[in-house]
PDB file of N, CA and C in Angstrom:
ATOM      1  N   MET A   1       0.878  -1.115   0.106  1.00  0.00           N
ATOM      2  CA  MET A   1      -0.011  -0.084  -0.067  1.00  0.00           C
ATOM      3  C   MET A   1       0.954   1.315  -0.062  1.00  0.00           C
ATOM      4  N   ASN A   2       0.371   2.261  -0.603  1.00  0.00           N
ATOM      5  CA  ASN A   2       1.201   3.489  -0.589  1.00  0.00           C
ATOM      6  C   ASN A   2       0.901   4.503   0.124  1.00  0.00           C
ATOM      7  N   PHE A   3       0.576   4.239   1.463  1.00  0.00           N
ATOM      8  CA  PHE A   3       0.375   5.212   2.486  1.00  0.00           C
ATOM      9  C   PHE A   3       0.665   4.711   3.916  1.00  0.00           C
ATOM     10  N   ASP A   4       0.845   5.554   4.779  1.00  0.00           N
ATOM     11  CA  ASP A   4       1.478   5.158   6.003  1.00  0.00           C
ATOM     12  C   ASP A   4       0.144   4.721   6.922  1.00  0.00           C
ATOM     13  N   TYR A   5       0.036   3.589   7.833  1.00  0.00           N
ATOM     14  CA  TYR A   5      -0.929   3.080   8.385  1.00  0.00           C
ATOM     15  C   TYR A   5      -0.623   2.945   9.904  1.00  0.00           C
ATOM     16  N   PRO A   6      -1.377   3.858  10.755  1.00  0.00           N
ATOM     17  CA  PRO A   6      -1.247   3.556  12.120  1.00  0.00           C
ATOM     18  C   PRO A   6      -2.063   2.484  12.623  1.00  0.00           C
ATOM     19  N   ASN A   7      -1.378   1.622  13.260  1.00  0.00           N
ATOM     20  CA  ASN A   7      -2.168   0.308  13.940  1.00  0.00           C
ATOM     21  C   ASN A   7      -1.749   0.247  15.497  1.00  0.00           C
ATOM     22  N   GLY A   8      -2.509   1.092  16.367  1.00  0.00           N
ATOM     23  CA  GLY A   8      -2.112   1.108  17.774  1.00  0.00           C
ATOM     24  C   GLY A   8      -0.848   1.778  17.843  1.00  0.00           C
ATOM     25  N   ALA A   9       0.194   1.199  18.537  1.00  0.00           N
ATOM     26  CA  ALA A   9       1.418   1.746  18.898  1.00  0.00           C
ATOM     27  C   ALA A   9       2.470   1.628  17.748  1.00  0.00           C
ATOM     28  N   MET A  10       1.982   0.753  16.562  1.00  0.00           N
ATOM     29  CA  MET A  10       2.769   0.814  15.567  1.00  0.00           C
ATOM     30  C   MET A  10       2.323   1.432  14.238  1.00  0.00           C
ATOM     31  N   VAL A  11       3.225   1.857  13.724  1.00  0.00           N
ATOM     32  CA  VAL A  11       2.956   2.715  12.415  1.00  0.00           C
ATOM     33  C   VAL A  11       3.624   2.000  11.253  1.00  0.00           C
ATOM     34  N   LEU A  12       2.696   1.407  10.208  1.00  0.00           N
ATOM     35  CA  LEU A  12       3.179   0.838   9.146  1.00  0.00           C
ATOM     36  C   LEU A  12       3.813   1.718   8.062  1.00  0.00           C
ATOM     37  N   LYS A  13       4.868   1.919   7.663  1.00  0.00           N
ATOM     38  CA  LYS A  13       5.446   3.031   6.903  1.00  0.00           C
ATOM     39  C   LYS A  13       5.267   2.566   5.411  1.00  0.00           C
ATOM     40  N   ALA A  14       4.762   3.527   4.576  1.00  0.00           N
ATOM     41  CA  ALA A  14       4.609   3.080   3.061  1.00  0.00           C
ATOM     42  C   ALA A  14       5.859   2.737   2.436  1.00  0.00           C
ATOM     43  N   PRO A  15       6.039   1.739   1.423  1.00  0.00           N
ATOM     44  CA  PRO A  15       5.005   1.006   0.993  1.00  0.00           C
ATOM     45  C   PRO A  15       5.056  -0.347   1.982  1.00  0.00           C
ATOM     46  N   TRP A  16       3.819  -0.809   2.127  1.00  0.00           N
ATOM     47  CA  TRP A  16       3.680  -2.153   2.806  1.00  0.00           C
ATOM     48  C   TRP A  16       2.625  -3.011   2.051  1.00  0.00           C
ATOM     49  N   ILE A  17       2.674  -4.231   2.262  1.00  0.00           N
ATOM     50  CA  ILE A  17       1.848  -5.331   1.359  1.00  0.00           C
ATOM     51  C   ILE A  17       0.758  -5.975   2.402  1.00  0.00           C
ATOM     52  N   SER A  18      -0.169  -6.154   1.811  1.00  0.00           N
ATOM     53  CA  SER A  18      -1.514  -6.759   2.400  1.00  0.00           C
ATOM     54  C   SER A  18      -1.851  -8.019   1.515  1.00  0.00           C
ATOM     55  N   ALA A  19      -2.190  -9.094   2.251  1.00  0.00           N
ATOM     56  CA  ALA A  19      -2.522 -10.335   1.541  1.00  0.00           C
ATOM     57  C   ALA A  19      -3.974 -10.203   0.804  1.00  0.00           C
ATOM     58  N   TYR A  20      -4.744  -9.303   1.526  1.00  0.00           N
ATOM     59  CA  TYR A  20      -6.000  -8.813   0.808  1.00  0.00           C
ATOM     60  C   TYR A  20      -5.824  -8.333  -0.456  1.00  0.00           C
ATOM     61  N   THR A  21      -5.246  -7.106  -0.420  1.00  0.00           N
ATOM     62  CA  THR A  21      -4.949  -6.295  -1.618  1.00  0.00           C
ATOM     63  C   THR A  21      -3.991  -7.316  -2.679  1.00  0.00           C
ATOM     64  N   GLN A  22      -3.027  -8.100  -2.236  1.00  0.00           N
ATOM     65  CA  GLN A  22      -2.437  -8.900  -3.364  1.00  0.00           C
ATOM     66  C   GLN A  22      -3.294  -9.922  -3.851  1.00  0.00           C
ATOM     67  N   GLY A  23      -4.286 -10.471  -3.102  1.00  0.00           N
ATOM     68  CA  GLY A  23      -5.148 -11.315  -3.550  1.00  0.00           C
ATOM     69  C   GLY A  23      -6.302 -10.554  -4.571  1.00  0.00           C
ATOM     70  N   LEU A  24      -6.476  -9.537  -4.454  1.00  0.00           N
ATOM     71  CA  LEU A  24      -7.386  -8.621  -5.356  1.00  0.00           C
ATOM     72  C   LEU A  24      -6.774  -8.470  -6.870  1.00  0.00           C
ATOM     73  N   VAL A  25      -5.322  -8.286  -6.627  1.00  0.00           N
ATOM     74  CA  VAL A  25      -4.502  -7.705  -7.758  1.00  0.00           C
ATOM     75  C   VAL A  25      -4.508  -9.229  -8.474  1.00  0.00           C
ATOM     76  N   ILE A  26      -4.112 -10.364  -7.702  1.00  0.00           N
ATOM     77  CA  ILE A  26      -4.094 -11.593  -8.422  1.00  0.00           C
ATOM     78  C   ILE A  26      -5.537 -12.093  -9.109  1.00  0.00           C
ATOM     79  N   SER A  27      -6.379 -11.539  -8.595  1.00  0.00           N
ATOM     80  CA  SER A  27      -7.772 -11.920  -9.028  1.00  0.00           C
ATOM     81  C   SER A  27      -7.857 -11.132 -10.363  1.00  0.00           C
ATOM     82  N   ALA A  28      -7.683  -9.936 -10.631  1.00  0.00           N
ATOM     83  CA  ALA A  28      -7.641  -9.077 -11.671  1.00  0.00           C
ATOM     84  C   ALA A  28      -6.487  -9.614 -12.737  1.00  0.00           C
ATOM     85  N   LEU A  29      -5.419 -10.040 -12.286  1.00  0.00           N
ATOM     86  CA  LEU A  29      -4.378 -10.413 -13.323  1.00  0.00           C
ATOM     87  C   LEU A  29      -5.056 -11.719 -14.133  1.00  0.00           C
ATOM     88  N   VAL A  30      -5.598 -12.738 -13.211  1.00  0.00           N
ATOM     89  CA  VAL A  30      -6.045 -13.989 -13.608  1.00  0.00           C
ATOM     90  C   VAL A  30      -7.182 -13.751 -14.626  1.00  0.00           C
ATOM     91  N   ARG A  31      -8.081 -12.807 -14.468  1.00  0.00           N
ATOM     92  CA  ARG A  31      -9.162 -12.475 -15.444  1.00  0.00           C
ATOM     93  C   ARG A  31      -8.559 -11.793 -16.654  1.00  0.00           C
ATOM     94  N   ALA A  32      -7.677 -10.929 -16.588  1.00  0.00           N
ATOM     95  CA  ALA A  32      -6.929 -10.387 -17.645  1.00  0.00           C
ATOM     96  C   ALA A  32      -6.370 -11.481 -18.330  1.00  0.00           C
ATOM     97  N   TRP A  33      -5.428 -12.359 -17.878  1.00  0.00           N
ATOM     98  CA  TRP A  33      -4.734 -13.282 -18.579  1.00  0.00           C
ATOM     99  C   TRP A  33      -5.830 -14.397 -19.338  1.00  0.00           C
ATOM    100  N   ARG A  34      -6.986 -14.658 -18.739  1.00  0.00           N
ATOM    101  CA  ARG A  34      -7.777 -15.634 -19.143  1.00  0.00           C
ATOM    102  C   ARG A  34      -8.521 -14.740 -20.506  1.00  0.00           C
ATOM    103  N   LEU A  35      -8.717 -13.420 -20.480  1.00  0.00           N
ATOM    104  CA  LEU A  35      -9.442 -12.777 -21.554  1.00  0.00           C
ATOM    105  C   LEU A  35      -8.268 -12.817 -22.787  1.00  0.00           C
ATOM    106  N   THR A  36      -7.126 -12.625 -22.571  1.00  0.00           N
ATOM    107  CA  THR A  36      -5.991 -12.168 -23.503  1.00  0.00           C
ATOM    108  C   THR A  36      -4.950 -13.238 -23.693  1.00  0.00           C
ATOM    109  N   ASN A  37      -4.527 -14.211 -22.782  1.00  0.00           N
ATOM    110  CA  ASN A  37      -3.616 -15.215 -22.991  1.00  0.00           C
ATOM    111  C   ASN A  37      -2.371 -14.532 -23.041  1.00  0.00           C
ATOM    112  N   ARG A  38      -2.080 -13.426 -22.664  1.00  0.00           N
ATOM    113  CA  ARG A  38      -0.657 -12.753 -22.850  1.00  0.00           C
ATOM    114  C   ARG A  38       0.313 -13.217 -21.850  1.00  0.00           C
ATOM    115  N   PRO A  39       1.438 -13.588 -22.515  1.00  0.00           N
ATOM    116  CA  PRO A  39       2.653 -14.302 -21.423  1.00  0.00           C
ATOM    117  C   PRO A  39       3.127 -13.391 -20.528  1.00  0.00           C
ATOM    118  N   ALA A  40       2.955 -12.139 -20.680  1.00  0.00           N
ATOM    119  CA  ALA A  40       3.435 -11.170 -19.579  1.00  0.00           C
ATOM    120  C   ALA A  40       2.702 -11.245 -18.301  1.00  0.00           C
ATOM    121  N   LEU A  41       1.396 -11.502 -18.829  1.00  0.00           N
ATOM    122  CA  LEU A  41       0.388 -11.544 -17.543  1.00  0.00           C
ATOM    123  C   LEU A  41       0.639 -12.609 -16.747  1.00  0.00           C
ATOM    124  N   ARG A  42       0.844 -13.856 -17.384  1.00  0.00           N
ATOM    125  CA  ARG A  42       1.183 -14.991 -16.590  1.00  0.00           C
ATOM    126  C   ARG A  42       2.483 -14.780 -15.856  1.00  0.00           C
ATOM    127  N   GLU A  43       3.388 -14.422 -16.252  1.00  0.00           N
ATOM    128  CA  GLU A  43       4.495 -14.172 -15.445  1.00  0.00           C
ATOM    129  C   GLU A  43       4.252 -13.206 -14.192  1.00  0.00           C
ATOM    130  N   LEU A  44       3.407 -12.155 -14.272  1.00  0.00           N
ATOM    131  CA  LEU A  44       3.078 -11.204 -13.207  1.00  0.00           C
ATOM    132  C   LEU A  44       2.436 -12.128 -12.253  1.00  0.00           C
ATOM    133  N   LEU A  45       1.604 -12.937 -12.754  1.00  0.00           N
ATOM    134  CA  LEU A  45       0.761 -13.904 -11.673  1.00  0.00           C
ATOM    135  C   LEU A  45       1.776 -14.757 -10.956  1.00  0.00           C
ATOM    136  N   LYS A  46       2.639 -15.343 -11.587  1.00  0.00           N
ATOM    137  CA  LYS A  46       3.795 -16.238 -10.904  1.00  0.00           C
ATOM    138  C   LYS A  46       4.308 -15.435  -9.799  1.00  0.00           C
ATOM    139  N   SER A  47       4.983 -14.175 -10.393  1.00  0.00           N
ATOM    140  CA  SER A  47       5.704 -13.446  -9.314  1.00  0.00           C
ATOM    141  C   SER A  47       4.720 -12.854  -8.150  1.00  0.00           C
ATOM    142  N   SER A  48       3.739 -12.362  -8.581  1.00  0.00           N
ATOM    143  CA  SER A  48       2.673 -11.770  -7.460  1.00  0.00           C
ATOM    144  C   SER A  48       2.158 -12.776  -6.346  1.00  0.00           C
ATOM    145  N   ALA A  49       2.266 -14.008  -6.706  1.00  0.00           N
ATOM    146  CA  ALA A  49       1.886 -15.027  -5.486  1.00  0.00           C
ATOM    147  C   ALA A  49       2.935 -15.524  -4.564  1.00  0.00           C
ATOM    148  N   LYS A  50       4.154 -15.050  -5.159  1.00  0.00           N
ATOM    149  CA  LYS A  50       5.394 -15.321  -4.160  1.00  0.00           C
ATOM    150  C   LYS A  50       5.126 -14.944  -2.798  1.00  0.00           C
ATOM    151  N   VAL A  51       4.559 -14.007  -2.563  1.00  0.00           N
ATOM    152  CA  VAL A  51       4.546 -13.124  -1.129  1.00  0.00           C
ATOM    153  C   VAL A  51       3.797 -14.051  -0.354  1.00  0.00           C
ATOM    154  N   PHE A  52       2.818 -14.939  -0.594  1.00  0.00           N
ATOM    155  CA  PHE A  52       2.143 -15.935   0.264  1.00  0.00           C
ATOM    156  C   PHE A  52       2.960 -17.015   0.557  1.00  0.00           C
ATOM    157  N   GLU A  53       4.017 -17.195   0.103  1.00  0.00           N
ATOM    158  CA  GLU A  53       5.170 -18.196   0.524  1.00  0.00           C
ATOM    159  C   GLU A  53       6.261 -17.677   1.556  1.00  0.00           C
ATOM    160  N   LEU A  54       6.236 -16.346   1.651  1.00  0.00           N
ATOM    161  CA  LEU A  54       7.029 -15.769   2.603  1.00  0.00           C
ATOM    162  C   LEU A  54       6.380 -15.434   3.828  1.00  0.00           C
ATOM    163  N   ASP A  55       7.242 -15.411   4.976  1.00  0.00           N
ATOM    164  CA  ASP A  55       6.759 -15.086   6.261  1.00  0.00           C
ATOM    165  C   ASP A  55       6.968 -13.497   6.402  1.00  0.00           C
ATOM    166  N   VAL A  56       6.041 -12.827   7.386  1.00  0.00           N
ATOM    167  CA  VAL A  56       5.931 -11.453   7.401  1.00  0.00           C
ATOM    168  C   VAL A  56       7.395 -10.929   7.646  1.00  0.00           C
ATOM    169  N   LYS A  57       8.166 -11.498   8.450  1.00  0.00           N
ATOM    170  CA  LYS A  57       9.530 -10.990   8.758  1.00  0.00           C
ATOM    171  C   LYS A  57      10.466 -10.961   7.374  1.00  0.00           C
ATOM    172  N   ASP A  58       9.918 -11.859   6.313  1.00  0.00           N
ATOM    173  CA  ASP A  58      10.785 -11.850   5.259  1.00  0.00           C
ATOM    174  C   ASP A  58      10.134 -11.271   4.090  1.00  0.00           C
ATOM    175  N   SER A  59       9.379 -10.117   4.297  1.00  0.00           N
ATOM    176  CA  SER A  59       8.576  -9.150   3.581  1.00  0.00           C
ATOM    177  C   SER A  59       7.446 -10.144   2.722  1.00  0.00           C
ATOM    178  N   GLY A  60       6.977 -10.858   3.354  1.00  0.00           N
ATOM    179  CA  GLY A  60       5.703 -11.506   2.814  1.00  0.00           C
ATOM    180  C   GLY A  60       4.662 -11.311   3.565  1.00  0.00           C
ATOM    181  N   VAL A  61       3.669 -12.203   3.490  1.00  0.00           N
ATOM    182  CA  VAL A  61       2.055 -11.980   4.231  1.00  0.00           C
ATOM    183  C   VAL A  61       1.774 -13.223   5.052  1.00  0.00           C
ATOM    184  N   ARG A  62       2.538 -14.225   5.080  1.00  0.00           N
ATOM    185  CA  ARG A  62       2.271 -15.397   5.895  1.00  0.00           C
ATOM    186  C   ARG A  62       2.879 -15.192   7.274  1.00  0.00           C
ATOM    187  N   VAL A  63       1.790 -15.694   8.073  1.00  0.00           N
ATOM    188  CA  VAL A  63       2.157 -15.719   9.596  1.00  0.00           C
ATOM    189  C   VAL A  63       1.452 -17.181  10.126  1.00  0.00           C
ATOM    190  N   SER A  64       2.211 -17.543  11.118  1.00  0.00           N
ATOM    191  CA  SER A  64       1.928 -18.879  11.915  1.00  0.00           C
ATOM    192  C   SER A  64       1.242 -18.545  13.079  1.00  0.00           C
ATOM    193  N   LEU A  65       0.296 -19.453  13.369  1.00  0.00           N
ATOM    194  CA  LEU A  65      -0.571 -18.945  14.789  1.00  0.00           C
ATOM    195  C   LEU A  65      -0.820 -20.550  15.226  1.00  0.00           C
ATOM    196  N   ASP A  66      -0.294 -20.848  16.265  1.00  0.00           N
ATOM    197  CA  ASP A  66      -0.864 -22.309  16.850  1.00  0.00           C
ATOM    198  C   ASP A  66      -0.736 -23.462  15.637  1.00  0.00           C
ATOM    199  N   GLY A  67       0.312 -23.388  15.124  1.00  0.00           N
ATOM    200  CA  GLY A  67       0.428 -24.343  13.991  1.00  0.00           C
ATOM    201  C   GLY A  67      -0.302 -24.301  12.606  1.00  0.00           C
ATOM    202  N   HIS A  68      -0.957 -23.196  12.767  1.00  0.00           N
ATOM    203  CA  HIS A  68      -1.689 -22.763  11.441  1.00  0.00           C
ATOM    204  C   HIS A  68      -1.037 -21.831  10.612  1.00  0.00           C
ATOM    205  N   THR A  69      -1.420 -21.564   9.259  1.00  0.00           N
ATOM    206  CA  THR A  69      -0.895 -20.594   8.538  1.00  0.00           C
ATOM    207  C   THR A  69      -2.008 -19.754   8.237  1.00  0.00           C
ATOM    208  N   LEU A  70      -1.784 -18.380   8.347  1.00  0.00           N
ATOM    209  CA  LEU A  70      -2.759 -17.257   8.020  1.00  0.00           C
ATOM    210  C   LEU A  70      -1.853 -16.276   7.187  1.00  0.00           C
ATOM    211  N   TYR A  71      -2.942 -15.554   6.430  1.00  0.00           N
ATOM    212  CA  TYR A  71      -2.316 -14.423   5.599  1.00  0.00           C
ATOM    213  C   TYR A  71      -2.577 -13.184   6.108  1.00  0.00           C
ATOM    214  N   THR A  72      -1.884 -12.278   6.578  1.00  0.00           N
ATOM    215  CA  THR A  72      -2.362 -11.175   7.120  1.00  0.00           C
ATOM    216  C   THR A  72      -2.673 -10.029   6.126  1.00  0.00           C
ATOM    217  N   GLU A  73      -3.622  -9.067   6.609  1.00  0.00           N
ATOM    218  CA  GLU A  73      -4.026  -7.949   5.704  1.00  0.00           C
ATOM    219  C   GLU A  73      -3.180  -6.983   6.207  1.00  0.00           C
ATOM    220  N   ILE A  74      -2.582  -6.803   7.430  1.00  0.00           N
ATOM    221  CA  ILE A  74      -1.683  -5.852   7.962  1.00  0.00           C
ATOM    222  C   ILE A  74      -0.664  -6.453   8.637  1.00  0.00           C
ATOM    223  N   PRO A  75       0.512  -6.576   7.871  1.00  0.00           N
ATOM    224  CA  PRO A  75       1.648  -7.103   8.729  1.00  0.00           C
ATOM    225  C   PRO A  75       2.242  -6.491   9.973  1.00  0.00           C
ATOM    226  N   GLY A  76       2.586  -7.140  10.783  1.00  0.00           N
ATOM    227  CA  GLY A  76       3.131  -6.474  11.922  1.00  0.00           C
ATOM    228  C   GLY A  76       2.450  -6.168  13.130  1.00  0.00           C
ATOM    229  N   GLY A  77       1.081  -6.356  12.758  1.00  0.00           N
ATOM    230  CA  GLY A  77       0.031  -6.189  13.979  1.00  0.00           C
ATOM    231  C   GLY A  77      -0.119  -7.325  14.679  1.00  0.00           C
ATOM    232  N   PRO A  78      -0.811  -7.145  15.499  1.00  0.00           N
ATOM    233  CA  PRO A  78      -1.075  -8.413  16.675  1.00  0.00           C
ATOM    234  C   PRO A  78      -1.941  -9.528  15.984  1.00  0.00           C
ATOM    235  N   LEU A  79      -1.389 -10.549  16.218  1.00  0.00           N
ATOM    236  CA  LEU A  79      -2.065 -11.835  15.741  1.00  0.00           C
ATOM    237  C   LEU A  79      -3.326 -12.198  16.427  1.00  0.00           C
ATOM    238  N   PRO A  80      -4.309 -12.351  15.934  1.00  0.00           N
ATOM    239  CA  PRO A  80      -4.545 -13.010  14.311  1.00  0.00           C
ATOM    240  C   PRO A  80      -4.416 -12.142  13.431  1.00  0.00           C
ATOM    241  N   GLY A  81      -4.846 -10.698  13.775  1.00  0.00           N
ATOM    242  CA  GLY A  81      -5.078  -9.503  12.757  1.00  0.00           C
ATOM    243  C   GLY A  81      -6.356  -9.445  12.258  1.00  0.00           C
ATOM    244  N   ILE A  82      -6.652  -9.004  11.201  1.00  0.00           N
ATOM    245  CA  ILE A  82      -7.972  -8.843  10.578  1.00  0.00           C
ATOM    246  C   ILE A  82      -8.332 -10.076  10.010  1.00  0.00           C
ATOM    247  N   MET A  83      -9.261 -10.568  10.331  1.00  0.00           N
ATOM    248  CA  MET A  83      -9.827 -11.878   9.726  1.00  0.00           C
ATOM    249  C   MET A  83     -10.932 -11.887   8.619  1.00  0.00           C
ATOM    250  N   ASP A  84     -11.229 -10.550   8.156  1.00  0.00           N
ATOM    251  CA  ASP A  84     -12.580 -10.718   7.252  1.00  0.00           C
ATOM    252  C   ASP A  84     -12.106 -11.486   5.939  1.00  0.00           C
ATOM    253  N   GLY A  85     -11.012 -11.704   5.833  1.00  0.00           N
ATOM    254  CA  GLY A  85     -10.877 -12.701   4.484  1.00  0.00           C
ATOM    255  C   GLY A  85     -11.302 -13.975   4.671  1.00  0.00           C
ATOM    256  N   PHE A  86     -11.542 -14.160   6.082  1.00  0.00           N
ATOM    257  CA  PHE A  86     -12.052 -15.922   6.298  1.00  0.00           C
ATOM    258  C   PHE A  86     -13.499 -15.994   6.245  1.00  0.00           C
ATOM    259  N   ILE A  87     -14.376 -14.711   6.309  1.00  0.00           N
ATOM    260  CA  ILE A  87     -15.628 -14.811   6.243  1.00  0.00           C
ATOM    261  C   ILE A  87     -16.167 -15.508   4.906  1.00  0.00           C
ATOM    262  N   PRO A  88     -17.004 -16.450   5.195  1.00  0.00           N
ATOM    263  CA  PRO A  88     -17.595 -17.240   4.031  1.00  0.00           C
ATOM    264  C   PRO A  88     -18.189 -16.218   2.913  1.00  0.00           C
ATOM    265  N   ARG A  89     -18.076 -16.605   1.665  1.00  0.00           N
ATOM    266  CA  ARG A  89     -18.804 -15.809   0.674  1.00  0.00           C
ATOM    267  C   ARG A  89     -19.933 -16.622   0.109  1.00  0.00           C
ATOM    268  N   LYS A  90     -20.411 -16.152  -0.843  1.00  0.00           N
ATOM    269  CA  LYS A  90     -21.586 -16.778  -1.592  1.00  0.00           C
ATOM    270  C   LYS A  90     -21.324 -18.299  -1.947  1.00  0.00           C
ATOM    271  N   ARG A  91     -20.017 -18.489  -2.769  1.00  0.00           N
ATOM    272  CA  ARG A  91     -19.704 -19.764  -3.109  1.00  0.00           C
ATOM    273  C   ARG A  91     -19.589 -20.736  -1.730  1.00  0.00           C
ATOM    274  N   SER A  92     -19.969 -21.966  -1.938  1.00  0.00           N
ATOM    275  CA  SER A  92     -19.834 -22.985  -0.944  1.00  0.00           C
ATOM    276  C   SER A  92     -18.536 -23.433  -0.874  1.00  0.00           C
ATOM    277  N   ARG A  93     -18.019 -24.086   0.296  1.00  0.00           N
ATOM    278  CA  ARG A  93     -16.665 -24.652   0.398  1.00  0.00           C
ATOM    279  C   ARG A  93     -16.415 -25.474  -0.614  1.00  0.00           C
ATOM    280  N   LYS A  94     -17.385 -26.378  -0.976  1.00  0.00           N
ATOM    281  CA  LYS A  94     -17.005 -27.442  -1.934  1.00  0.00           C
ATOM    282  C   LYS A  94     -16.564 -26.654  -3.151  1.00  0.00           C
ATOM    283  N   SER A  95     -17.393 -25.910  -3.611  1.00  0.00           N
ATOM    284  CA  SER A  95     -17.124 -25.095  -4.724  1.00  0.00           C
ATOM    285  C   SER A  95     -15.779 -24.471  -4.951  1.00  0.00           C
ATOM    286  N   VAL A  96     -15.355 -23.878  -3.672  1.00  0.00           N
ATOM    287  CA  VAL A  96     -14.244 -23.309  -3.864  1.00  0.00           C
ATOM    288  C   VAL A  96     -12.976 -24.304  -3.598  1.00  0.00           C
ATOM    289  N   ARG A  97     -13.261 -25.528  -3.127  1.00  0.00           N
ATOM    290  CA  ARG A  97     -12.228 -26.405  -2.930  1.00  0.00           C
ATOM    291  C   ARG A  97     -12.155 -27.039  -4.385  1.00  0.00           C
ATOM    292  N   SER A  98     -13.174 -27.357  -5.132  1.00  0.00           N
ATOM    293  CA  SER A  98     -13.119 -27.767  -6.302  1.00  0.00           C
ATOM    294  C   SER A  98     -12.329 -26.853  -7.332  1.00  0.00           C
ATOM    295  N   SER A  99     -12.644 -25.604  -7.245  1.00  0.00           N
ATOM    296  CA  SER A  99     -11.922 -24.519  -8.023  1.00  0.00           C
ATOM    297  C   SER A  99     -10.515 -24.683  -7.742  1.00  0.00           C
ATOM    298  N   ALA A 100     -10.104 -24.824  -6.502  1.00  0.00           N
ATOM    299  CA  ALA A 100      -8.531 -24.761  -6.224  1.00  0.00           C
ATOM    300  C   ALA A 100      -7.955 -25.989  -6.664  1.00  0.00           C
ATOM    301  N   ARG A 101      -8.725 -27.377  -6.677  1.00  0.00           N
ATOM    302  CA  ARG A 101      -8.198 -28.571  -7.059  1.00  0.00           C
ATOM    303  C   ARG A 101      -7.792 -28.142  -8.546  1.00  0.00           C
ATOM    304  N   THR A 102      -8.815 -27.543  -9.167  1.00  0.00           N
ATOM    305  CA  THR A 102      -8.517 -27.432 -10.532  1.00  0.00           C
ATOM    306  C   THR A 102      -7.367 -26.841 -10.866  1.00  0.00           C
ATOM    307  N   TRP A 103      -7.075 -25.684 -10.318  1.00  0.00           N
ATOM    308  CA  TRP A 103      -5.892 -24.746 -10.433  1.00  0.00           C
ATOM    309  C   TRP A 103      -4.585 -25.543 -10.108  1.00  0.00           C
ATOM    310  N   ILE A 104      -4.528 -26.356  -9.062  1.00  0.00           N
ATOM    311  CA  ILE A 104      -3.507 -27.219  -8.775  1.00  0.00           C
ATOM    312  C   ILE A 104      -3.188 -28.460  -9.821  1.00  0.00           C
ATOM    313  N   THR A 105      -4.395 -28.815 -10.286  1.00  0.00           N
ATOM    314  CA  THR A 105      -4.034 -30.065 -11.141  1.00  0.00           C
ATOM    315  C   THR A 105      -4.033 -29.858 -12.680  1.00  0.00           C
ATOM    316  N   ARG A 106      -4.725 -28.785 -12.963  1.00  0.00           N
ATOM    317  CA  ARG A 106      -4.556 -28.460 -14.369  1.00  0.00           C
ATOM    318  C   ARG A 106      -3.778 -27.239 -14.736  1.00  0.00           C
ATOM    319  N   GLY A 107      -3.359 -26.429 -13.897  1.00  0.00           N
ATOM    320  CA  GLY A 107      -2.813 -25.173 -14.012  1.00  0.00           C
ATOM    321  C   GLY A 107      -3.743 -24.404 -14.517  1.00  0.00           C
ATOM    322  N   PHE A 108      -2.936 -23.045 -15.161  1.00  0.00           N
ATOM    323  CA  PHE A 108      -3.729 -22.073 -15.754  1.00  0.00           C
ATOM    324  C   PHE A 108      -4.581 -22.341 -17.001  1.00  0.00           C
ATOM    325  N   ALA A 109      -4.133 -23.073 -17.876  1.00  0.00           N
ATOM    326  CA  ALA A 109      -4.506 -23.376 -19.005  1.00  0.00           C
ATOM    327  C   ALA A 109      -5.839 -24.194 -18.652  1.00  0.00           C
ATOM    328  N   GLY A 110      -5.813 -25.423 -17.953  1.00  0.00           N
ATOM    329  CA  GLY A 110      -6.690 -26.020 -17.596  1.00  0.00           C
ATOM    330  C   GLY A 110      -7.966 -25.437 -16.714  1.00  0.00           C
ATOM    331  N   ARG A 111      -7.781 -24.375 -16.316  1.00  0.00           N
ATOM    332  CA  ARG A 111      -8.833 -23.627 -15.235  1.00  0.00           C
ATOM    333  C   ARG A 111      -9.650 -22.931 -16.512  1.00  0.00           C
ATOM    334  N   LYS A 112      -8.773 -22.325 -17.464  1.00  0.00           N
ATOM    335  CA  LYS A 112      -9.419 -21.471 -18.461  1.00  0.00           C
ATOM    336  C   LYS A 112     -10.569 -22.347 -19.127  1.00  0.00           C
ATOM    337  N   SER A 113     -10.152 -23.585 -19.596  1.00  0.00           N
ATOM    338  CA  SER A 113     -11.060 -24.562 -20.324  1.00  0.00           C
ATOM    339  C   SER A 113     -12.128 -25.046 -19.592  1.00  0.00           C
ATOM    340  N   ALA A 114     -11.992 -25.103 -18.112  1.00  0.00           N
ATOM    341  CA  ALA A 114     -12.908 -25.691 -17.193  1.00  0.00           C
ATOM    342  C   ALA A 114     -13.976 -24.665 -16.998  1.00  0.00           C
ATOM    343  N   SER A 115     -13.900 -23.592 -17.415  1.00  0.00           N
ATOM    344  CA  SER A 115     -15.039 -22.523 -17.011  1.00  0.00           C
ATOM    345  C   SER A 115     -16.273 -22.899 -18.253  1.00  0.00           C
TER     346      SER A 115
END
C-alpha cells in the first residue's frame, strides 16, 4: 500500500503489503490473462503469488499461529490480525475446493478450459 498506516502503537510505513490487496491484484490478473492469454500477465501472476510463500519477517504476508498458517492483511500487527478474509462468501466451500483443485491439477490453461 502506498500510505502510512497507524495500527495501535505501531505505524506501517509505505510501501507495505497486504494479503487482501495482493489477492485482489491476483484476481484481476487472472481475469485479464484468461481474456488475453498474454504471457506477460502469466509471468506477473507467478511473481505476485510469491509473497504468500514468505513470512511477514521476510517481506511476505504469511504468519503462523498455533500451528496454522494465516495470511495477514496488515503485517506486523497483533495476531491473528484482521480476519475478514475468512468470512464465507456466496460460493460454497465445496465449490471453492473444487476450483482450487482444478488450479492445482490443471494449471492456468486447465482452469481456462474448465469454465
